[in-house]
Amino acid sequence: MRPERTVSPSSWRVKRKLFSVCAGMLFLGWVAHCLCFGVTRPVVALALLCWSASFLLLGVAVGTRRMPPWASGILAGLVSISAVTAIIHATGGPTSPYFVTLACTPLMVAMFTPDSRAPTLGTIAAMSGAVVVLNLLARVPSREFLPQALIFSLIGGLGLYGGRTYRRLRESERLAQEDRLLALEQLAESERKRRRAEAERAEMERRLQLGQLASGVAHGVNNPLAFVKSNLNYLEQELAAVDKPSDIRELRELLGETRQGVLRIQRIVADLRYFSREGATAEEQGSPREAMEEARRRALGHMHSLGEVLLDVPDELPPVRLGQQHLMQVLLNLLLNAAEAVEGTKPRRPALIRLRARRTPSDVRVEVEDNGPGIPSDVLPRLFEPFFTTKAPGRGSGLGLTLCQEYVARVGGSLTAENRPEGGARFVLTLNQAAEPASRS
């Protein structure tokens, strides 16, 4: 029993269309024959008409799915051989000009039904029988028509081999498609594993950063808390020892140190709050020129005339995508860091800091250069890490440059550090130009 084949809806439609087109062409052949020969060849006209009607019925049967495609192929081959045999017999038998059509029939069936060998085999058998019948009716000796039948059968075998080759090619394509789908599934699975590994790595890095953050906060807060606690204990002892403290000025100094420690703790907490705050909105803008002038004025106040800040800024600079307060804070932090770096230079020399700005087609570039010793090579990669500082204990929390870079990065800018070839350090701040407000009509 023939195994069932799974046939796609598109295959049913293609088969139905094929039979319909062939029926139409055969009908046109019948019309042309009637116009050319009239009723002189009634057998040929009847064979063409029956052939066309048979194909039309096969198309209807396949279209309604009442007949499987392989069965319709066998019937199409038998109908074609029968019609061609009738036409050949009516037009001269083996000497008919249509005799070679018998050899073409298996090839056409193989071409139209390549997915199954049964129609081609049935057509080859019917063709061989038709050759024998036609030659017997014409009383041709067997020694003459048997080689002819053999050659026709070989031609039909070529059609059979061609159908087999087509099936193998299609099977190879199917296997290749399955391999491609399998490779895509493996690639998708690899991508899922990679993303999962990246998520796990990011989670581990987040936990590590949280640990470093907690360690930095503990270290930054413990130092001022230690001397605040020590000063408070000393004050308590002094006030309990006598009715009136022996040295009011010393106690005032202790109170001042205690206040500074508390302020330092507050500053660390405020820096952490700024560090975790959401970025500035797109509407916030800052004026580089005004921020540079304000930062220069404040930096000179902290430097107490022990250095000089040279300002080089063009007359017209566009606003940038960073709030005015944050922009001034970033520049002031860079100026004060530059001043402290020069202060630690040996031998001592006055600080000379250059603050310049330039406009590019898409952004504004601000540079802060100093005449200090430069940034050590082992410090440069870690310069913007949270809680990393080269300052003496109690003089820095290690969040200043981190906050500056965070402010700038949140608005699409960048802050980098490098050493100048002629000596000293250079900080480069790049900020995107703010979008110009839409003009009102």
Protein backbone atom coordinates (compact mmCIF):
# COMPACT_ATOMS: atom_id res chain seq x y z
CA MET A 1 0.00 0.00 0.00
CA ARG A 2 1.34 3.40 -0.97
CA PRO A 3 2.34 5.51 2.07
CA GLU A 4 0.55 8.78 2.58
CA ARG A 5 2.47 11.89 1.70
CA THR A 6 2.01 15.18 3.38
CA VAL A 7 1.04 17.63 0.67
CA SER A 8 1.10 21.36 1.32
CA PRO A 9 -1.88 23.50 0.22
CA SER A 10 0.38 25.27 -2.27
CA SER A 11 1.12 21.91 -4.00
CA TRP A 12 -2.60 21.29 -4.49
CA ARG A 13 -2.99 24.73 -6.03
CA VAL A 14 0.00 24.28 -8.35
CA LYS A 15 -1.28 20.90 -9.58
CA ARG A 16 -4.78 22.29 -10.21
CA LYS A 17 -3.35 25.21 -12.15
CA LEU A 18 -1.12 22.91 -14.18
CA PHE A 19 -4.02 20.71 -15.27
CA SER A 20 -6.18 23.74 -16.04
CA VAL A 21 -3.50 25.33 -18.24
CA CYS A 22 -2.84 22.05 -20.07
CA ALA A 23 -6.59 21.56 -20.62
CA GLY A 24 -6.84 25.08 -22.05
CA MET A 25 -3.91 24.56 -24.39
CA LEU A 26 -5.31 21.23 -25.62
CA PHE A 27 -8.66 22.87 -26.22
CA LEU A 28 -6.94 25.57 -28.28
CA GLY A 29 -5.23 22.75 -30.22
CA TRP A 30 -8.64 21.20 -30.90
CA VAL A 31 -9.96 24.56 -32.15
CA ALA A 32 -6.93 25.04 -34.41
CA HIS A 33 -7.28 21.51 -35.78
CA CYS A 34 -10.95 22.07 -36.62
CA LEU A 35 -10.14 25.35 -38.36
CA CYS A 36 -7.34 23.81 -40.41
CA PHE A 37 -8.73 20.36 -41.28
CA GLY A 38 -12.47 20.61 -40.64
CA VAL A 39 -14.06 17.18 -40.33
CA THR A 40 -11.48 15.33 -42.41
CA ARG A 41 -9.78 13.97 -39.29
CA PRO A 42 -12.58 13.32 -36.78
CA VAL A 43 -10.51 10.86 -34.71
CA VAL A 44 -7.78 13.49 -34.11
CA ALA A 45 -10.34 16.14 -33.17
CA LEU A 46 -12.15 13.76 -30.81
CA ALA A 47 -8.83 12.68 -29.19
CA LEU A 48 -7.83 16.29 -28.58
CA LEU A 49 -11.25 17.14 -27.16
CA CYS A 50 -11.29 14.10 -24.86
CA TRP A 51 -7.71 14.83 -23.80
CA SER A 52 -8.62 18.42 -22.87
CA ALA A 53 -11.77 17.33 -21.00
CA SER A 54 -9.83 14.68 -19.08
CA PHE A 55 -7.23 17.20 -17.90
CA LEU A 56 -10.00 19.59 -16.90
CA LEU A 57 -11.64 16.87 -14.78
CA LEU A 58 -8.29 15.95 -13.23
CA GLY A 59 -7.76 19.61 -12.32
CA VAL A 60 -11.17 19.72 -10.64
CA ALA A 61 -10.47 16.49 -8.75
CA VAL A 62 -7.10 17.76 -7.52
CA GLY A 63 -8.54 21.21 -6.68
CA THR A 64 -11.23 19.65 -4.47
CA ARG A 65 -8.60 17.33 -2.95
CA ARG A 66 -10.57 14.24 -3.93
CA MET A 67 -7.54 12.80 -5.68
CA PRO A 68 -3.94 12.84 -4.43
CA PRO A 69 -1.37 14.43 -6.75
CA TRP A 70 0.52 11.19 -7.39
CA ALA A 71 -2.67 9.42 -8.56
CA SER A 72 -3.57 12.35 -10.81
CA GLY A 73 -0.09 12.11 -12.34
CA ILE A 74 -0.59 8.42 -13.24
CA LEU A 75 -4.00 9.11 -14.78
CA ALA A 76 -2.62 12.10 -16.68
CA GLY A 77 0.12 9.89 -18.16
CA LEU A 78 -2.32 7.15 -19.19
CA VAL A 79 -4.76 9.66 -20.71
CA SER A 80 -1.93 11.34 -22.62
CA ILE A 81 -0.58 8.05 -23.98
CA SER A 82 -4.10 6.97 -25.02
CA ALA A 83 -4.82 10.25 -26.81
CA VAL A 84 -1.42 10.35 -28.53
CA THR A 85 -1.80 6.69 -29.60
CA ALA A 86 -5.21 7.43 -31.14
CA ILE A 87 -3.84 10.47 -33.00
CA ILE A 88 -0.81 8.53 -34.30
CA HIS A 89 -2.96 5.61 -35.46
CA ALA A 90 -5.33 8.00 -37.30
CA THR A 91 -2.45 9.82 -39.01
CA GLY A 92 -0.38 6.91 -40.37
CA GLY A 93 0.69 4.70 -37.49
CA PRO A 94 4.48 4.28 -37.13
CA THR A 95 4.99 6.60 -40.14
CA SER A 96 2.92 9.41 -38.58
CA PRO A 97 4.76 12.68 -37.95
CA TYR A 98 3.35 12.55 -34.40
CA PHE A 99 4.99 9.20 -33.61
CA VAL A 100 7.92 10.81 -31.76
CA THR A 101 5.39 12.39 -29.41
CA LEU A 102 5.22 9.04 -27.63
CA ALA A 103 8.84 9.43 -26.54
CA CYS A 104 8.14 12.94 -25.27
CA THR A 105 5.18 11.94 -23.11
CA PRO A 106 7.16 10.24 -20.27
CA LEU A 107 9.54 13.19 -20.22
CA MET A 108 6.67 15.67 -19.84
CA VAL A 109 5.06 13.55 -17.11
CA ALA A 110 8.39 13.33 -15.28
CA MET A 111 8.74 17.10 -15.55
CA PHE A 112 5.25 17.79 -14.22
CA THR A 113 5.32 15.15 -11.43
CA PRO A 114 8.96 15.03 -10.25
CA ASP A 115 8.01 14.30 -6.66
CA SER A 116 6.85 10.76 -7.47
CA ARG A 117 8.20 8.04 -9.78
CA ALA A 118 4.90 6.17 -10.14
CA PRO A 119 3.40 8.44 -12.87
CA THR A 120 6.61 8.22 -14.92
CA LEU A 121 6.82 4.43 -14.58
CA GLY A 122 3.17 4.04 -15.58
CA THR A 123 3.65 6.32 -18.59
CA ILE A 124 6.77 4.43 -19.72
CA ALA A 125 4.90 1.12 -19.54
CA ALA A 126 1.92 2.59 -21.43
CA MET A 127 4.24 4.11 -24.04
CA SER A 128 5.99 0.79 -24.65
CA GLY A 129 2.64 -0.95 -25.01
CA ALA A 130 1.44 1.77 -27.41
CA VAL A 131 4.54 1.32 -29.59
CA VAL A 132 3.94 -2.42 -29.75
CA VAL A 133 0.21 -2.01 -30.53
CA LEU A 134 0.78 0.60 -33.25
CA ASN A 135 3.43 -1.50 -34.97
CA LEU A 136 1.31 -4.63 -34.75
CA LEU A 137 -1.68 -2.81 -36.24
CA ALA A 138 0.60 -1.61 -39.06
CA ARG A 139 1.96 -5.19 -39.46
CA VAL A 140 5.54 -4.11 -38.88
CA PRO A 141 7.91 -7.04 -38.21
CA SER A 142 8.89 -7.38 -34.58
CA ARG A 143 12.62 -7.27 -35.40
CA GLU A 144 12.08 -3.69 -36.61
CA PHE A 145 9.86 -2.19 -33.95
CA LEU A 146 11.37 -3.87 -30.85
CA PRO A 147 14.60 -1.76 -31.06
CA GLN A 148 12.35 1.23 -31.55
CA ALA A 149 10.39 0.36 -28.38
CA LEU A 150 13.69 -0.15 -26.55
CA ILE A 151 14.97 3.30 -27.55
CA PHE A 152 11.67 4.90 -26.52
CA SER A 153 11.91 3.09 -23.18
CA LEU A 154 15.47 4.39 -22.67
CA ILE A 155 14.24 7.93 -23.32
CA GLY A 156 11.52 7.35 -20.73
CA GLY A 157 14.22 6.06 -18.37
CA LEU A 158 16.03 9.38 -18.73
CA GLY A 159 12.86 11.09 -17.56
CA LEU A 160 12.70 8.65 -14.64
CA TYR A 161 16.32 9.36 -13.73
CA GLY A 162 15.71 13.11 -14.00
CA GLY A 163 12.79 12.86 -11.58
CA ARG A 164 14.95 10.85 -9.17
CA THR A 165 17.71 13.45 -9.38
CA TYR A 166 15.17 16.19 -8.68
CA ARG A 167 13.89 14.34 -5.62
CA ARG A 168 17.43 13.90 -4.33
CA LEU A 169 18.18 17.57 -4.86
CA ARG A 170 15.01 18.56 -3.06
CA GLU A 171 15.82 16.19 -0.21
CA SER A 172 19.30 17.68 -0.01
CA GLU A 173 17.80 21.15 0.11
CA ARG A 174 15.42 20.03 2.85
CA LEU A 175 18.29 18.57 4.89
CA ALA A 176 20.34 21.71 4.29
CA GLN A 177 17.41 23.83 5.44
CA GLU A 178 17.07 21.69 8.56
CA ASP A 179 20.81 22.08 9.19
CA ARG A 180 20.48 25.84 8.79
CA LEU A 181 17.55 25.92 11.21
CA LEU A 182 19.48 23.77 13.66
CA ALA A 183 22.51 26.06 13.34
CA LEU A 184 20.29 29.09 13.91
CA GLU A 185 18.77 27.45 16.99
CA GLN A 186 22.25 26.66 18.31
CA LEU A 187 23.33 30.22 17.57
CA ALA A 188 20.27 31.57 19.36
CA GLU A 189 20.97 29.29 22.32
CA SER A 190 24.61 30.43 22.36
CA GLU A 191 23.41 34.04 22.28
CA ARG A 192 21.04 33.35 25.19
CA LYS A 193 23.87 31.73 27.15
CA ARG A 194 26.15 34.66 26.34
CA ARG A 195 23.57 37.17 27.51
CA ARG A 196 22.93 35.13 30.63
CA ALA A 197 26.68 35.01 31.31
CA GLU A 198 26.95 38.76 30.74
CA ALA A 199 24.03 39.36 33.09
CA GLU A 200 25.69 37.19 35.73
CA ARG A 201 29.00 38.97 35.20
CA ALA A 202 27.27 42.36 35.44
CA GLU A 203 25.59 41.23 38.64
CA MET A 204 28.94 40.13 40.07
CA GLU A 205 30.51 43.45 39.06
CA ARG A 206 27.60 45.31 40.61
CA ARG A 207 28.05 43.42 43.85
CA LEU A 208 31.79 44.07 43.75
CA GLN A 209 31.18 47.79 43.17
CA LEU A 210 28.68 47.83 46.02
CA GLY A 211 31.29 46.22 48.23
CA GLN A 212 33.90 48.77 47.18
CA LEU A 213 31.38 51.56 47.68
CA ALA A 214 30.51 50.31 51.16
CA SER A 215 34.20 49.98 52.00
CA GLY A 216 34.92 53.48 50.72
CA VAL A 217 32.01 54.98 52.61
CA ALA A 218 33.05 53.20 55.79
CA HIS A 219 36.64 54.40 55.39
CA GLY A 220 35.60 57.95 54.50
CA VAL A 221 33.17 58.26 57.37
CA ASN A 222 35.18 56.41 60.05
CA ASN A 223 38.10 58.86 60.01
CA PRO A 224 36.05 62.00 60.86
CA LEU A 225 33.86 59.99 63.21
CA ALA A 226 36.94 58.82 65.11
CA PHE A 227 38.22 62.26 65.95
CA VAL A 228 34.67 63.60 66.53
CA LYS A 229 34.20 60.83 69.10
CA SER A 230 37.63 61.46 70.62
CA ASN A 231 37.02 65.22 70.86
CA LEU A 232 33.62 64.73 72.46
CA ASN A 233 35.10 62.34 75.05
CA TYR A 234 37.85 64.82 75.86
CA LEU A 235 35.36 67.66 76.21
CA GLU A 236 33.23 65.54 78.50
CA GLN A 237 36.23 64.76 80.71
CA GLU A 238 37.38 68.37 80.83
CA LEU A 239 33.94 69.68 81.70
CA ALA A 240 33.51 67.06 84.42
CA ALA A 241 36.93 67.69 85.97
CA VAL A 242 36.48 71.33 87.03
CA ASP A 243 33.73 73.83 87.20
CA LYS A 244 35.49 76.06 84.67
CA PRO A 245 37.72 74.69 81.87
CA SER A 246 41.35 75.67 82.22
CA ASP A 247 41.79 76.58 78.60
CA ILE A 248 38.70 77.89 76.84
CA ARG A 249 40.65 78.49 73.62
CA GLU A 250 41.73 74.84 73.38
CA LEU A 251 38.16 73.69 73.90
CA ARG A 252 37.00 76.03 71.16
CA GLU A 253 39.57 74.54 68.81
CA LEU A 254 38.29 71.07 69.65
CA LEU A 255 34.76 72.18 68.96
CA GLY A 256 35.90 73.62 65.63
CA GLU A 257 37.59 70.36 64.68
CA THR A 258 34.48 68.45 65.70
CA ARG A 259 32.32 70.72 63.57
CA GLN A 260 34.66 70.19 60.61
CA GLY A 261 34.43 66.43 61.06
CA VAL A 262 30.64 66.57 61.08
CA LEU A 263 30.68 68.79 57.97
CA ARG A 264 33.00 66.34 56.27
CA ILE A 265 30.58 63.48 56.97
CA GLN A 266 27.75 65.59 55.59
CA ARG A 267 29.79 66.34 52.47
CA ILE A 268 30.49 62.63 51.88
CA VAL A 269 26.79 61.81 52.25
CA ALA A 270 25.86 64.68 49.91
CA ASP A 271 28.38 63.48 47.33
CA LEU A 272 26.89 59.99 47.49
CA ARG A 273 23.40 61.41 47.00
CA TYR A 274 24.60 63.37 43.97
CA PHE A 275 26.33 60.25 42.66
CA SER A 276 23.08 58.22 42.79
CA ARG A 277 20.79 60.99 41.51
CA GLU A 278 19.24 60.76 38.06
CA GLY A 279 20.87 62.72 35.24
CA ALA A 280 20.01 66.22 34.24
CA THR A 281 17.07 66.73 31.98
CA ALA A 282 17.51 67.68 28.35
CA GLU A 283 16.18 71.18 29.05
CA GLU A 284 19.07 72.09 31.42
CA GLN A 285 21.69 74.24 29.76
CA GLY A 286 24.82 76.01 30.86
CA SER A 287 26.92 78.88 29.61
CA PRO A 288 30.59 77.80 29.37
CA ARG A 289 31.90 81.37 29.49
CA GLU A 290 29.94 82.32 32.63
CA ALA A 291 30.82 79.03 34.34
CA MET A 292 34.53 79.46 33.51
CA GLU A 293 34.60 83.02 34.84
CA GLU A 294 32.78 82.02 38.06
CA ALA A 295 35.01 78.96 38.60
CA ARG A 296 38.13 81.08 38.02
CA ARG A 297 36.95 83.68 40.55
CA ARG A 298 36.27 81.06 43.22
CA ALA A 299 39.49 79.17 42.55
CA LEU A 300 41.55 82.34 42.95
CA GLY A 301 39.82 82.93 46.31
CA HIS A 302 40.89 79.48 47.51
CA MET A 303 44.44 79.90 46.20
CA HIS A 304 45.05 83.14 48.22
CA SER A 305 47.12 84.78 45.45
CA LEU A 306 49.55 81.82 45.42
CA GLY A 307 48.89 81.12 41.78
CA GLU A 308 47.36 82.40 38.58
CA VAL A 309 44.50 81.16 36.41
CA LEU A 310 44.72 82.31 32.77
CA LEU A 311 41.40 82.40 30.98
CA ASP A 312 41.27 81.87 27.21
CA VAL A 313 37.70 81.83 25.94
CA PRO A 314 36.25 83.18 22.67
CA ASP A 315 33.65 85.92 22.72
CA GLU A 316 30.84 83.68 21.55
CA LEU A 317 30.34 80.16 22.84
CA PRO A 318 27.06 78.26 22.44
CA PRO A 319 25.27 76.87 25.51
CA VAL A 320 25.97 73.26 26.37
CA ARG A 321 23.85 70.37 27.62
CA LEU A 322 24.87 70.63 31.27
CA GLY A 323 23.22 72.69 34.00
CA GLN A 324 25.03 75.88 35.00
CA GLN A 325 25.59 74.78 38.62
CA HIS A 326 27.02 71.40 37.66
CA LEU A 327 29.18 72.94 34.92
CA MET A 328 30.67 75.48 37.34
CA GLN A 329 31.17 72.74 39.96
CA VAL A 330 33.05 70.54 37.47
CA LEU A 331 35.34 73.38 36.37
CA LEU A 332 35.98 74.53 39.96
CA ASN A 333 36.88 71.00 41.00
CA LEU A 334 39.36 70.70 38.10
CA LEU A 335 40.94 74.07 38.94
CA LEU A 336 41.32 73.26 42.65
CA ASN A 337 42.78 69.83 41.87
CA ALA A 338 45.28 71.49 39.52
CA ALA A 339 46.23 74.02 42.24
CA GLU A 340 46.72 71.26 44.83
CA ALA A 341 48.84 69.26 42.36
CA VAL A 342 51.15 72.24 41.79
CA GLU A 343 51.27 72.92 45.54
CA GLY A 344 52.77 69.48 46.13
CA THR A 345 55.55 70.06 43.60
CA LYS A 346 59.13 70.15 44.87
CA PRO A 347 60.74 72.61 44.70
CA ARG A 348 57.71 74.79 45.32
CA ARG A 349 56.59 77.09 42.54
CA PRO A 350 53.56 79.30 41.90
CA ALA A 351 50.64 77.59 40.23
CA LEU A 352 50.02 78.53 36.60
CA ILE A 353 46.73 77.13 35.37
CA ARG A 354 45.32 77.68 31.90
CA LEU A 355 41.58 77.43 31.35
CA ARG A 356 40.69 77.55 27.66
CA ALA A 357 37.64 76.73 25.55
CA ARG A 358 37.13 76.08 21.85
CA ARG A 359 34.04 75.47 19.73
CA THR A 360 33.82 72.55 17.30
CA PRO A 361 31.03 71.83 14.77
CA SER A 362 29.07 69.71 17.26
CA ASP A 363 30.42 70.38 20.76
CA VAL A 364 32.45 72.63 23.05
CA ARG A 365 35.92 71.57 24.23
CA VAL A 366 37.26 72.93 27.52
CA GLU A 367 40.85 72.26 28.66
CA VAL A 368 42.41 72.72 32.11
CA GLU A 369 46.22 72.64 32.09
CA ASP A 370 48.64 73.06 34.98
CA ASN A 371 52.39 73.30 35.50
CA GLY A 372 52.48 70.57 38.13
CA PRO A 373 54.34 67.25 38.15
CA GLY A 374 51.76 65.47 36.01
CA ILE A 375 49.80 62.32 36.80
CA PRO A 376 51.77 59.16 37.67
CA SER A 377 51.32 56.34 35.18
CA ASP A 378 49.95 53.99 37.85
CA VAL A 379 47.41 56.59 39.00
CA LEU A 380 46.12 57.69 35.57
CA PRO A 381 43.97 54.55 34.87
CA ARG A 382 42.29 54.83 38.30
CA LEU A 383 41.86 58.57 38.42
CA PHE A 384 38.06 58.52 38.06
CA GLU A 385 37.36 55.51 40.29
CA PRO A 386 35.03 56.17 43.26
CA PHE A 387 36.90 56.77 46.55
CA PHE A 388 40.31 56.61 44.89
CA THR A 389 42.49 59.53 45.99
CA THR A 390 46.17 60.36 46.31
CA LYS A 391 45.53 63.12 48.85
CA ALA A 392 46.49 62.85 52.50
CA PRO A 393 43.87 61.33 54.87
CA GLY A 394 41.21 63.87 55.75
CA ARG A 395 41.79 66.03 52.66
CA GLY A 396 39.71 64.22 50.04
CA SER A 397 36.89 61.68 49.78
CA GLY A 398 37.85 60.38 46.33
CA LEU A 399 34.47 61.32 44.87
CA GLY A 400 35.26 64.68 43.28
CA LEU A 401 36.51 63.53 39.87
CA THR A 402 34.06 60.63 39.87
CA LEU A 403 31.14 63.03 40.30
CA CYS A 404 32.52 65.35 37.62
CA GLN A 405 32.76 62.52 35.12
CA GLU A 406 29.30 61.28 36.09
CA TYR A 407 27.71 64.71 35.56
CA VAL A 408 29.32 65.00 32.14
CA ALA A 409 28.59 61.42 31.01
CA ARG A 410 24.89 61.73 31.85
CA VAL A 411 24.46 64.46 29.23
CA GLY A 412 26.48 62.67 26.55
CA GLY A 413 29.82 64.42 27.18
CA SER A 414 33.23 63.16 28.22
CA LEU A 415 35.95 64.03 30.72
CA THR A 416 39.45 62.63 30.23
CA ALA A 417 42.90 63.22 31.70
CA GLU A 418 46.36 63.09 30.17
CA ASN A 419 49.90 64.31 30.72
CA ARG A 420 51.26 67.17 28.66
CA PRO A 421 54.48 66.49 26.71
CA GLU A 422 56.01 69.67 28.15
CA GLY A 423 55.05 68.68 31.70
CA GLY A 424 51.97 69.00 33.85
CA ALA A 425 48.50 67.51 33.50
CA ARG A 426 45.67 68.31 31.15
CA PHE A 427 41.98 67.60 31.71
CA VAL A 428 39.78 67.70 28.59
CA LEU A 429 36.06 68.34 29.01
CA THR A 430 33.86 67.82 25.93
CA LEU A 431 30.18 68.81 26.04
CA ASN A 432 27.51 68.65 23.36
CA GLN A 433 26.01 71.92 22.23
CA ALA A 434 22.50 72.51 23.52
CA ALA A 435 19.68 72.41 20.99
CA GLU A 436 18.58 75.86 19.94
CA PRO A 437 15.05 76.67 21.06
CA ALA A 438 12.44 76.60 18.32
CA SER A 439 11.56 80.09 17.07
CA ARG A 440 8.02 81.19 17.69
CA SER A 441 6.03 82.35 14.74
